[in-house]
């Protein structure tokens, strides 16, 4: 999808509605601009931290342990999946 937008005198751009809909963007969402080779940019929706919950498997042996214990085991190399 190619959709054009205009830059205002203050350097602002309104993200066109078809792009907002395709990326499921709504008011308050955060986006990331990545510049590629100085000529192109990618706009991406950044996930809310809560949306990432459950995306990383937690080994059964460490579920429910205090965070400081999980970190200690991970740093000492004891944590295995």
N, C-alpha and C. Protein backbone atom coordinates (compact mmCIF):
# COMPACT_ATOMS: atom_id res chain seq x y z
N UNK A 1 0.85 -1.17 0.00
CA UNK A 1 0.00 0.00 0.00
C UNK A 1 0.90 1.24 0.00
N UNK A 2 0.66 2.13 -0.90
CA UNK A 2 1.35 3.42 -0.94
C UNK A 2 0.33 4.51 -0.69
N UNK A 3 0.55 5.31 0.35
CA UNK A 3 -0.35 6.40 0.69
C UNK A 3 0.50 7.63 0.97
N UNK A 4 0.19 8.73 0.33
CA UNK A 4 0.97 9.96 0.49
C UNK A 4 0.42 10.80 1.64
N UNK A 5 1.30 11.59 2.23
CA UNK A 5 0.92 12.53 3.29
C UNK A 5 1.80 13.76 3.13
N UNK A 6 1.37 14.87 3.68
CA UNK A 6 2.10 16.12 3.56
C UNK A 6 2.70 16.51 4.92
N UNK A 7 3.90 17.05 4.90
CA UNK A 7 4.57 17.53 6.11
C UNK A 7 4.15 18.97 6.34
N UNK A 8 3.76 19.30 7.58
CA UNK A 8 3.37 20.67 7.91
C UNK A 8 4.60 21.54 8.12
N UNK A 9 4.38 22.83 8.30
CA UNK A 9 5.49 23.77 8.54
C UNK A 9 6.22 23.45 9.84
N UNK A 10 5.56 22.72 10.75
CA UNK A 10 6.19 22.33 12.01
C UNK A 10 6.83 20.94 11.94
N UNK A 11 6.86 20.34 10.75
CA UNK A 11 7.47 19.03 10.58
C UNK A 11 6.58 17.87 11.00
N UNK A 12 5.30 18.12 11.13
CA UNK A 12 4.38 17.07 11.56
C UNK A 12 3.71 16.41 10.36
N UNK A 13 3.37 15.14 10.54
CA UNK A 13 2.67 14.38 9.50
C UNK A 13 1.48 13.69 10.15
N UNK A 14 0.34 13.77 9.49
CA UNK A 14 -0.81 13.01 9.94
C UNK A 14 -0.75 11.66 9.25
N UNK A 15 -0.83 10.60 10.04
CA UNK A 15 -0.79 9.26 9.46
C UNK A 15 -2.15 9.02 8.80
N UNK A 16 -2.15 8.77 7.49
CA UNK A 16 -3.42 8.60 6.78
C UNK A 16 -4.25 7.45 7.35
N UNK A 17 -5.57 7.60 7.27
CA UNK A 17 -6.49 6.62 7.84
C UNK A 17 -6.24 5.20 7.35
N UNK A 18 -6.02 4.95 6.05
CA UNK A 18 -5.78 3.57 5.62
C UNK A 18 -4.55 2.95 6.29
N UNK A 19 -3.53 3.76 6.56
CA UNK A 19 -2.33 3.26 7.23
C UNK A 19 -2.64 2.98 8.69
N UNK A 20 -3.35 3.91 9.35
CA UNK A 20 -3.73 3.68 10.76
C UNK A 20 -4.55 2.41 10.89
N UNK A 21 -5.47 2.19 9.97
CA UNK A 21 -6.30 0.99 10.02
C UNK A 21 -5.47 -0.27 9.77
N UNK A 22 -4.58 -0.22 8.80
CA UNK A 22 -3.76 -1.40 8.48
C UNK A 22 -2.85 -1.78 9.65
N UNK A 23 -2.33 -0.77 10.38
CA UNK A 23 -1.45 -1.02 11.51
C UNK A 23 -2.20 -1.12 12.83
N UNK A 24 -3.52 -0.97 12.76
CA UNK A 24 -4.38 -1.00 13.96
C UNK A 24 -3.92 0.03 14.98
N UNK A 25 -3.65 1.25 14.49
CA UNK A 25 -3.22 2.35 15.36
C UNK A 25 -4.42 3.12 15.88
N UNK A 26 -4.33 3.54 17.12
CA UNK A 26 -5.36 4.40 17.69
C UNK A 26 -4.68 5.45 18.56
N UNK A 27 -5.47 6.40 19.01
CA UNK A 27 -4.94 7.51 19.81
C UNK A 27 -4.16 6.98 21.00
N UNK A 28 -2.97 7.52 21.20
CA UNK A 28 -2.13 7.13 22.33
C UNK A 28 -1.14 6.03 22.01
N UNK A 29 -1.32 5.33 20.88
CA UNK A 29 -0.36 4.30 20.50
C UNK A 29 0.98 4.94 20.17
N UNK A 30 2.04 4.16 20.34
CA UNK A 30 3.37 4.64 20.02
C UNK A 30 3.82 3.98 18.72
N UNK A 31 4.57 4.75 17.93
CA UNK A 31 5.09 4.23 16.66
C UNK A 31 6.60 4.44 16.62
N UNK A 32 7.23 3.68 15.75
CA UNK A 32 8.67 3.74 15.58
C UNK A 32 8.95 4.08 14.13
N UNK A 33 9.87 5.03 13.90
CA UNK A 33 10.33 5.35 12.56
C UNK A 33 11.75 4.82 12.43
N UNK A 34 12.00 4.00 11.42
CA UNK A 34 13.36 3.50 11.17
C UNK A 34 13.79 4.02 9.80
N UNK A 35 14.88 4.81 9.78
CA UNK A 35 15.40 5.36 8.53
C UNK A 35 16.34 4.33 7.91
N UNK A 36 16.14 4.08 6.63
CA UNK A 36 16.94 3.10 5.91
C UNK A 36 17.70 3.79 4.79
N UNK A 37 19.01 3.66 4.83
CA UNK A 37 19.90 4.21 3.80
C UNK A 37 19.68 5.70 3.56
N UNK A 38 19.20 6.42 4.53
CA UNK A 38 19.05 7.86 4.44
C UNK A 38 18.00 8.35 3.46
N UNK A 39 17.27 7.45 2.83
CA UNK A 39 16.29 7.87 1.83
C UNK A 39 14.88 7.33 2.08
N UNK A 40 14.78 6.29 2.88
CA UNK A 40 13.48 5.68 3.13
C UNK A 40 13.29 5.51 4.63
N UNK A 41 12.04 5.40 5.02
CA UNK A 41 11.74 5.16 6.43
C UNK A 41 10.64 4.14 6.54
N UNK A 42 10.69 3.37 7.60
CA UNK A 42 9.64 2.40 7.91
C UNK A 42 8.92 2.89 9.16
N UNK A 43 7.62 2.85 9.12
CA UNK A 43 6.79 3.19 10.28
C UNK A 43 6.24 1.89 10.84
N UNK A 44 6.43 1.66 12.12
CA UNK A 44 5.94 0.44 12.74
C UNK A 44 5.23 0.76 14.04
N UNK A 45 4.22 0.00 14.34
CA UNK A 45 3.51 0.12 15.61
C UNK A 45 4.36 -0.58 16.66
N UNK A 46 4.58 0.05 17.79
CA UNK A 46 5.33 -0.59 18.87
C UNK A 46 4.32 -1.21 19.82
N UNK A 47 4.55 -2.46 20.22
CA UNK A 47 3.57 -3.13 21.07
C UNK A 47 3.55 -2.55 22.48
N UNK A 48 2.40 -2.60 23.08
CA UNK A 48 2.23 -2.25 24.48
C UNK A 48 2.89 -3.37 25.29
N UNK A 49 3.54 -3.03 26.37
CA UNK A 49 4.23 -4.02 27.19
C UNK A 49 3.30 -5.17 27.59
N UNK A 50 2.06 -4.86 27.90
CA UNK A 50 1.13 -5.91 28.32
C UNK A 50 0.79 -6.86 27.17
N UNK A 51 0.90 -6.39 25.92
CA UNK A 51 0.64 -7.26 24.78
C UNK A 51 1.73 -8.33 24.66
N UNK A 52 2.89 -8.09 25.25
CA UNK A 52 3.98 -9.05 25.16
C UNK A 52 3.88 -10.16 26.21
N UNK A 53 2.97 -10.00 27.16
CA UNK A 53 2.83 -11.00 28.22
C UNK A 53 2.55 -12.36 27.62
N UNK A 54 3.32 -13.35 28.06
CA UNK A 54 3.15 -14.70 27.59
C UNK A 54 3.89 -15.02 26.31
N UNK A 55 4.60 -14.05 25.74
CA UNK A 55 5.29 -14.30 24.47
C UNK A 55 6.64 -14.98 24.67
N UNK A 56 7.13 -15.02 25.91
CA UNK A 56 8.40 -15.69 26.21
C UNK A 56 8.11 -16.85 27.14
N UNK A 57 8.49 -18.07 26.75
CA UNK A 57 8.22 -19.21 27.62
C UNK A 57 9.03 -19.13 28.92
N UNK A 58 8.40 -19.46 30.02
CA UNK A 58 9.06 -19.46 31.32
C UNK A 58 9.19 -20.91 31.77
N UNK A 59 10.42 -21.37 32.02
CA UNK A 59 10.60 -22.75 32.48
C UNK A 59 9.81 -23.02 33.76
N UNK A 60 9.22 -24.20 33.84
CA UNK A 60 8.38 -24.55 34.99
C UNK A 60 9.13 -24.43 36.31
N UNK A 61 10.43 -24.70 36.31
CA UNK A 61 11.21 -24.67 37.54
C UNK A 61 11.42 -23.29 38.14
N UNK A 62 11.12 -22.24 37.39
CA UNK A 62 11.34 -20.89 37.92
C UNK A 62 10.04 -20.10 38.05
N UNK A 63 8.93 -20.68 37.63
CA UNK A 63 7.64 -19.97 37.76
C UNK A 63 7.34 -19.71 39.22
N UNK A 64 7.00 -18.48 39.53
CA UNK A 64 6.66 -18.12 40.90
C UNK A 64 7.83 -17.73 41.77
N UNK A 65 9.07 -17.88 41.27
CA UNK A 65 10.23 -17.47 42.07
C UNK A 65 10.34 -15.95 42.09
N UNK A 66 10.93 -15.38 43.12
CA UNK A 66 11.16 -13.93 43.15
C UNK A 66 12.08 -13.52 42.00
N UNK A 67 11.87 -12.34 41.48
CA UNK A 67 12.65 -11.84 40.34
C UNK A 67 14.15 -11.86 40.62
N UNK A 68 14.57 -11.50 41.83
CA UNK A 68 16.01 -11.48 42.12
C UNK A 68 16.61 -12.88 42.02
N UNK A 69 15.83 -13.92 42.37
CA UNK A 69 16.32 -15.30 42.26
C UNK A 69 16.41 -15.75 40.80
N UNK A 70 15.44 -15.37 40.00
CA UNK A 70 15.48 -15.69 38.57
C UNK A 70 16.71 -15.04 37.93
N UNK A 71 16.95 -13.77 38.26
CA UNK A 71 18.12 -13.08 37.70
C UNK A 71 19.42 -13.74 38.17
N UNK A 72 19.48 -14.09 39.45
CA UNK A 72 20.69 -14.73 39.97
C UNK A 72 20.97 -16.03 39.22
N UNK A 73 19.94 -16.85 39.04
CA UNK A 73 20.12 -18.12 38.33
C UNK A 73 20.50 -17.90 36.87
N UNK A 74 19.88 -16.94 36.24
CA UNK A 74 20.19 -16.67 34.83
C UNK A 74 21.64 -16.22 34.68
N UNK A 75 22.09 -15.32 35.54
CA UNK A 75 23.46 -14.82 35.45
C UNK A 75 24.49 -15.90 35.77
N UNK A 76 24.11 -16.84 36.61
CA UNK A 76 25.06 -17.89 36.95
C UNK A 76 24.99 -19.06 35.96
N UNK A 77 24.11 -18.98 34.98
CA UNK A 77 24.02 -20.01 33.95
C UNK A 77 23.21 -21.22 34.37
N UNK A 78 22.48 -21.12 35.47
CA UNK A 78 21.71 -22.26 35.97
C UNK A 78 20.35 -22.39 35.34
N UNK A 79 19.89 -21.37 34.65
CA UNK A 79 18.53 -21.36 34.11
C UNK A 79 18.51 -22.11 32.78
N UNK A 80 17.73 -23.14 32.71
CA UNK A 80 17.60 -23.95 31.50
C UNK A 80 16.12 -24.05 31.15
N UNK A 81 15.84 -24.06 29.85
CA UNK A 81 14.45 -24.14 29.38
C UNK A 81 13.90 -25.54 29.53
